[in-house]
Amino acid sequence: MSYFSGIKALTFDVFGTTVDWCGGIARESRAMLGPRGLSLDWVAFANRWRRDFLPAMDEVRSGRRGYVTMDQLHREMLDPVVAEFGVDLTDAEKDQFALSWRRLDPWPDVLPAMTRLKKHFVLAALSNGNTALVVNMAKRSGLPWDVVLGADFVRTYKPMPVLYDSAPLLLDLKPPEIMMVACHMWDLDAAAKQGLRTAYVRRKDEYGVGAPIQTPAKGAYDLQLESFEELADALEH
């Protein structure tokens, strides 16, 4: 019997693990601002937009601020970015620009592998994204989720335990019957503390081609892989 035969569902981090947020935001930024005659370092622009994401979520996690959606955080984080880069946009234009985060593309290995995995497992987005954001992204890109477990269900953000606990609760499974798939070690560490199995998938270009990333020590997680295709290979045997 396979070591992984008891797994019935896979929960996936979305931003970075499943979709290329940096490449997508760089593309969307060029499309929005390039026609205005701006020529920026689009990858740097994308990374700057995301830079304040963890502090913004921590305001909610700590209770200093009530829950607001990731869509709202993206909109709020845009204001200082356009100011720093000298971009002049109306509030309506910024509102539309902030929805770029709903228009991100999966990494090339994702859709073929998820098609394979969907035959054997429940596929759930377990994301800090709000439900509307993740659903809109999936409709555009073809991500075949069985269910979206957005942060708005529990009204806080990972790595708070309640978000990981929502997966076995809502899927009617035991924690060891679920495997969390992510490219971020903090995400997997938090999932493991709640009893979920863990699969690390390396995304070497998450912050742009050649940008440094942290990688875990060998054996830190149940699986450590280079792609979703490798994940499918490992779990189909």
Protein backbone atom coordinates (compact mmCIF):
# COMPACT_ATOMS: atom_id res chain seq x y z
CA MET A 1 0.00 0.00 0.00
CA SER A 2 1.30 3.45 -0.88
CA TYR A 3 2.46 5.72 1.91
CA PHE A 4 0.02 8.27 0.50
CA SER A 5 -2.96 5.94 -0.05
CA GLY A 6 -4.99 7.55 2.74
CA ILE A 7 -4.99 11.00 1.17
CA LYS A 8 -8.39 12.00 -0.19
CA ALA A 9 -8.03 15.73 -0.81
CA LEU A 10 -5.34 18.18 -1.81
CA THR A 11 -5.45 21.78 -0.63
CA PHE A 12 -3.39 24.28 -2.58
CA ASP A 13 -1.89 27.63 -1.85
CA VAL A 14 -2.82 29.80 -4.81
CA PHE A 15 -0.54 32.86 -5.12
CA GLY A 16 2.95 31.74 -6.05
CA THR A 17 2.29 28.02 -5.81
CA THR A 18 -0.49 27.66 -8.38
CA VAL A 19 -0.35 30.96 -10.27
CA ASP A 20 2.54 33.21 -11.28
CA TRP A 21 1.60 36.41 -9.46
CA CYS A 22 4.82 38.28 -10.27
CA GLY A 23 4.75 37.59 -14.00
CA GLY A 24 1.02 38.26 -14.12
CA ILE A 25 1.17 41.56 -12.28
CA ALA A 26 4.17 42.66 -14.36
CA ARG A 27 2.14 41.89 -17.51
CA GLU A 28 -1.00 43.63 -16.25
CA SER A 29 1.02 46.66 -15.12
CA ARG A 30 2.66 47.00 -18.52
CA ALA A 31 -0.74 46.73 -20.21
CA MET A 32 -2.24 49.37 -17.90
CA LEU A 33 0.63 51.84 -17.76
CA GLY A 34 2.66 51.24 -20.91
CA PRO A 35 0.14 52.99 -23.21
CA ARG A 36 0.56 56.09 -21.01
CA GLY A 37 4.19 56.29 -22.09
CA LEU A 38 5.58 54.79 -18.89
CA SER A 39 8.52 52.41 -19.13
CA LEU A 40 9.14 50.90 -15.71
CA ASP A 41 10.86 47.85 -14.29
CA TRP A 42 7.62 45.90 -14.32
CA VAL A 43 8.93 43.04 -12.16
CA ALA A 44 10.13 45.55 -9.57
CA PHE A 45 6.72 47.22 -9.72
CA ALA A 46 5.00 43.87 -9.10
CA ASN A 47 7.25 43.03 -6.17
CA ARG A 48 6.78 46.46 -4.63
CA TRP A 49 3.01 46.08 -4.87
CA ARG A 50 3.20 42.83 -2.94
CA ARG A 51 5.83 44.01 -0.44
CA ASP A 52 3.38 45.24 2.20
CA PHE A 53 1.11 42.21 1.91
CA LEU A 54 2.31 40.38 5.03
CA PRO A 55 2.11 43.47 7.28
CA ALA A 56 -1.34 44.25 5.90
CA MET A 57 -2.58 40.75 6.69
CA ASP A 58 -0.98 40.90 10.13
CA GLU A 59 -3.18 43.85 10.99
CA VAL A 60 -6.16 41.51 10.54
CA ARG A 61 -4.55 38.43 12.11
CA SER A 62 -3.61 40.40 15.23
CA GLY A 63 -7.10 41.79 15.66
CA ARG A 64 -5.90 45.37 15.28
CA ARG A 65 -8.17 45.58 12.26
CA GLY A 66 -11.38 43.79 11.37
CA TYR A 67 -11.36 41.40 8.42
CA VAL A 68 -11.14 42.91 4.96
CA THR A 69 -10.81 40.94 1.74
CA MET A 70 -7.61 40.44 -0.18
CA ASP A 71 -9.19 42.42 -3.03
CA GLN A 72 -9.42 45.35 -0.63
CA LEU A 73 -5.83 44.90 0.57
CA HIS A 74 -4.60 44.88 -3.02
CA ARG A 75 -6.41 48.15 -3.64
CA GLU A 76 -5.03 49.78 -0.50
CA MET A 77 -1.48 48.61 -1.21
CA LEU A 78 -1.61 50.11 -4.69
CA ASP A 79 -1.75 53.73 -3.48
CA PRO A 80 1.82 53.98 -2.14
CA VAL A 81 3.19 52.03 -5.10
CA VAL A 82 1.85 54.36 -7.78
CA ALA A 83 3.00 57.32 -5.71
CA GLU A 84 6.54 55.94 -5.46
CA PHE A 85 6.71 55.18 -9.17
CA GLY A 86 5.23 58.55 -10.14
CA VAL A 87 2.10 57.11 -11.75
CA ASP A 88 -0.98 59.32 -11.91
CA LEU A 89 -4.24 57.35 -11.83
CA THR A 90 -7.78 58.25 -10.86
CA ASP A 91 -9.45 56.34 -8.04
CA ALA A 92 -11.63 54.54 -10.60
CA GLU A 93 -8.56 53.51 -12.58
CA LYS A 94 -6.88 52.23 -9.43
CA ASP A 95 -10.00 50.26 -8.52
CA GLN A 96 -9.84 48.50 -11.87
CA PHE A 97 -6.08 48.08 -11.76
CA ALA A 98 -6.32 46.39 -8.34
CA LEU A 99 -8.42 43.64 -9.90
CA SER A 100 -5.34 42.60 -11.90
CA TRP A 101 -4.78 40.08 -9.13
CA ARG A 102 -7.86 38.21 -10.41
CA ARG A 103 -6.19 37.84 -13.83
CA LEU A 104 -3.14 35.72 -13.06
CA ASP A 105 -2.03 32.72 -15.11
CA PRO A 106 -1.19 29.26 -13.73
CA TRP A 107 2.37 28.04 -14.01
CA PRO A 108 2.76 25.87 -17.16
CA ASP A 109 2.78 22.56 -15.24
CA VAL A 110 -0.38 23.29 -13.27
CA LEU A 111 -3.38 22.60 -15.52
CA PRO A 112 -2.12 19.28 -17.00
CA ALA A 113 -1.18 17.98 -13.55
CA MET A 114 -4.39 19.13 -11.89
CA THR A 115 -6.40 17.40 -14.59
CA ARG A 116 -4.65 14.18 -13.61
CA LEU A 117 -5.01 14.75 -9.87
CA LYS A 118 -8.70 15.64 -10.12
CA LYS A 119 -9.45 12.04 -11.13
CA HIS A 120 -8.27 10.79 -7.74
CA PHE A 121 -8.55 13.63 -5.22
CA VAL A 122 -10.73 16.53 -4.17
CA LEU A 123 -8.89 19.68 -5.26
CA ALA A 124 -9.41 22.67 -2.99
CA ALA A 125 -7.97 26.15 -3.09
CA LEU A 126 -6.96 26.97 0.49
CA SER A 127 -6.08 30.57 -0.04
CA ASN A 128 -5.71 33.92 1.64
CA GLY A 129 -7.65 35.15 -1.36
CA ASN A 130 -11.33 35.89 -0.91
CA THR A 131 -13.77 33.59 -2.66
CA ALA A 132 -14.73 36.01 -5.44
CA LEU A 133 -11.08 36.69 -6.27
CA VAL A 134 -10.13 32.99 -6.50
CA VAL A 135 -13.31 32.02 -8.37
CA ASN A 136 -12.88 34.79 -10.94
CA MET A 137 -9.25 33.77 -11.45
CA ALA A 138 -10.28 30.14 -11.94
CA LYS A 139 -12.99 30.99 -14.48
CA ARG A 140 -10.50 32.99 -16.53
CA SER A 141 -7.64 30.51 -16.40
CA GLY A 142 -9.41 27.15 -16.24
CA LEU A 143 -8.20 26.10 -12.79
CA PRO A 144 -10.35 23.05 -12.00
CA TRP A 145 -11.08 23.54 -8.33
CA ASP A 146 -13.70 21.31 -6.74
CA VAL A 147 -14.10 23.89 -3.99
CA VAL A 148 -12.65 27.24 -3.01
CA LEU A 149 -11.93 27.68 0.69
CA GLY A 150 -11.28 31.39 0.79
CA ALA A 151 -10.10 33.35 3.80
CA ASP A 152 -13.46 35.11 3.93
CA PHE A 153 -14.99 31.89 5.32
CA VAL A 154 -13.01 32.27 8.53
CA ARG A 155 -12.37 36.02 8.32
CA THR A 156 -8.66 35.94 8.97
CA TYR A 157 -5.49 34.98 7.11
CA LYS A 158 -2.98 32.18 7.04
CA PRO A 159 -1.05 31.04 8.97
CA MET A 160 -3.83 31.27 11.59
CA PRO A 161 -4.83 27.69 12.50
CA VAL A 162 -8.54 28.20 11.85
CA LEU A 163 -7.93 28.47 8.11
CA TYR A 164 -6.22 25.08 7.91
CA ASP A 165 -8.83 23.58 10.24
CA SER A 166 -11.55 24.71 7.83
CA ALA A 167 -10.41 22.14 5.25
CA PRO A 168 -11.15 18.93 7.22
CA LEU A 169 -14.23 20.56 8.72
CA LEU A 170 -15.81 21.56 5.41
CA LEU A 171 -14.60 18.53 3.44
CA ASP A 172 -15.70 16.07 6.17
CA LEU A 173 -12.25 14.50 6.35
CA LYS A 174 -9.62 13.87 8.98
CA PRO A 175 -6.55 16.15 8.82
CA PRO A 176 -4.16 13.35 7.73
CA GLU A 177 -6.46 12.64 4.77
CA ILE A 178 -5.58 16.07 3.36
CA MET A 179 -2.29 17.17 1.85
CA MET A 180 -1.39 20.87 1.73
CA VAL A 181 0.55 21.86 -1.40
CA ALA A 182 2.56 25.08 -1.27
CA CYS A 183 5.81 26.73 -2.25
CA HIS A 184 6.08 28.63 1.04
CA MET A 185 7.57 26.91 4.05
CA TRP A 186 5.64 29.00 6.58
CA ASP A 187 2.39 27.83 4.98
CA LEU A 188 3.36 24.16 5.13
CA ASP A 189 4.69 24.44 8.68
CA ALA A 190 1.37 25.87 9.84
CA ALA A 191 -0.59 23.19 7.98
CA ALA A 192 1.53 20.43 9.51
CA LYS A 193 0.81 21.75 13.02
CA GLN A 194 -2.90 21.20 12.30
CA GLY A 195 -2.26 17.61 11.21
CA LEU A 196 -2.31 18.03 7.41
CA ARG A 197 0.20 16.24 5.21
CA THR A 198 2.57 18.49 3.32
CA ALA A 199 4.02 18.81 -0.19
CA TYR A 200 6.56 21.49 -1.03
CA VAL A 201 6.70 22.51 -4.70
CA ARG A 202 9.61 24.80 -5.57
CA ARG A 203 8.77 27.89 -7.63
CA LYS A 204 12.19 29.25 -8.49
CA ASP A 205 10.82 32.25 -10.41
CA GLU A 206 8.10 33.31 -7.97
CA TYR A 207 9.62 36.77 -7.48
CA GLY A 208 10.95 37.05 -11.02
CA VAL A 209 13.51 35.12 -13.06
CA GLY A 210 16.69 34.69 -11.07
CA ALA A 211 15.36 36.22 -7.86
CA PRO A 212 16.51 34.37 -4.72
CA ILE A 213 14.13 32.08 -2.86
CA GLN A 214 14.39 30.03 0.31
CA THR A 215 14.26 26.25 0.01
CA PRO A 216 13.65 23.74 2.79
CA ALA A 217 16.07 21.23 4.20
CA LYS A 218 15.80 17.73 2.78
CA GLY A 219 13.07 15.75 4.50
CA ALA A 220 11.28 18.75 5.97
CA TYR A 221 7.97 17.78 4.33
CA ASP A 222 6.23 14.61 3.17
CA LEU A 223 7.07 15.49 -0.43
CA GLN A 224 9.55 17.98 -1.89
CA LEU A 225 9.09 18.48 -5.60
CA GLU A 226 9.92 20.66 -8.58
CA SER A 227 6.49 20.73 -10.24
CA PHE A 228 2.85 19.73 -10.04
CA GLU A 229 3.63 17.03 -12.59
CA GLU A 230 6.02 15.48 -10.08
CA LEU A 231 3.25 15.74 -7.48
CA ALA A 232 0.88 13.83 -9.75
CA ASP A 233 3.54 11.21 -10.44
CA ALA A 234 4.16 10.72 -6.72
CA LEU A 235 0.50 10.44 -5.74
CA GLU A 236 -0.65 8.24 -8.63
CA HIS A 237 1.65 5.38 -7.59
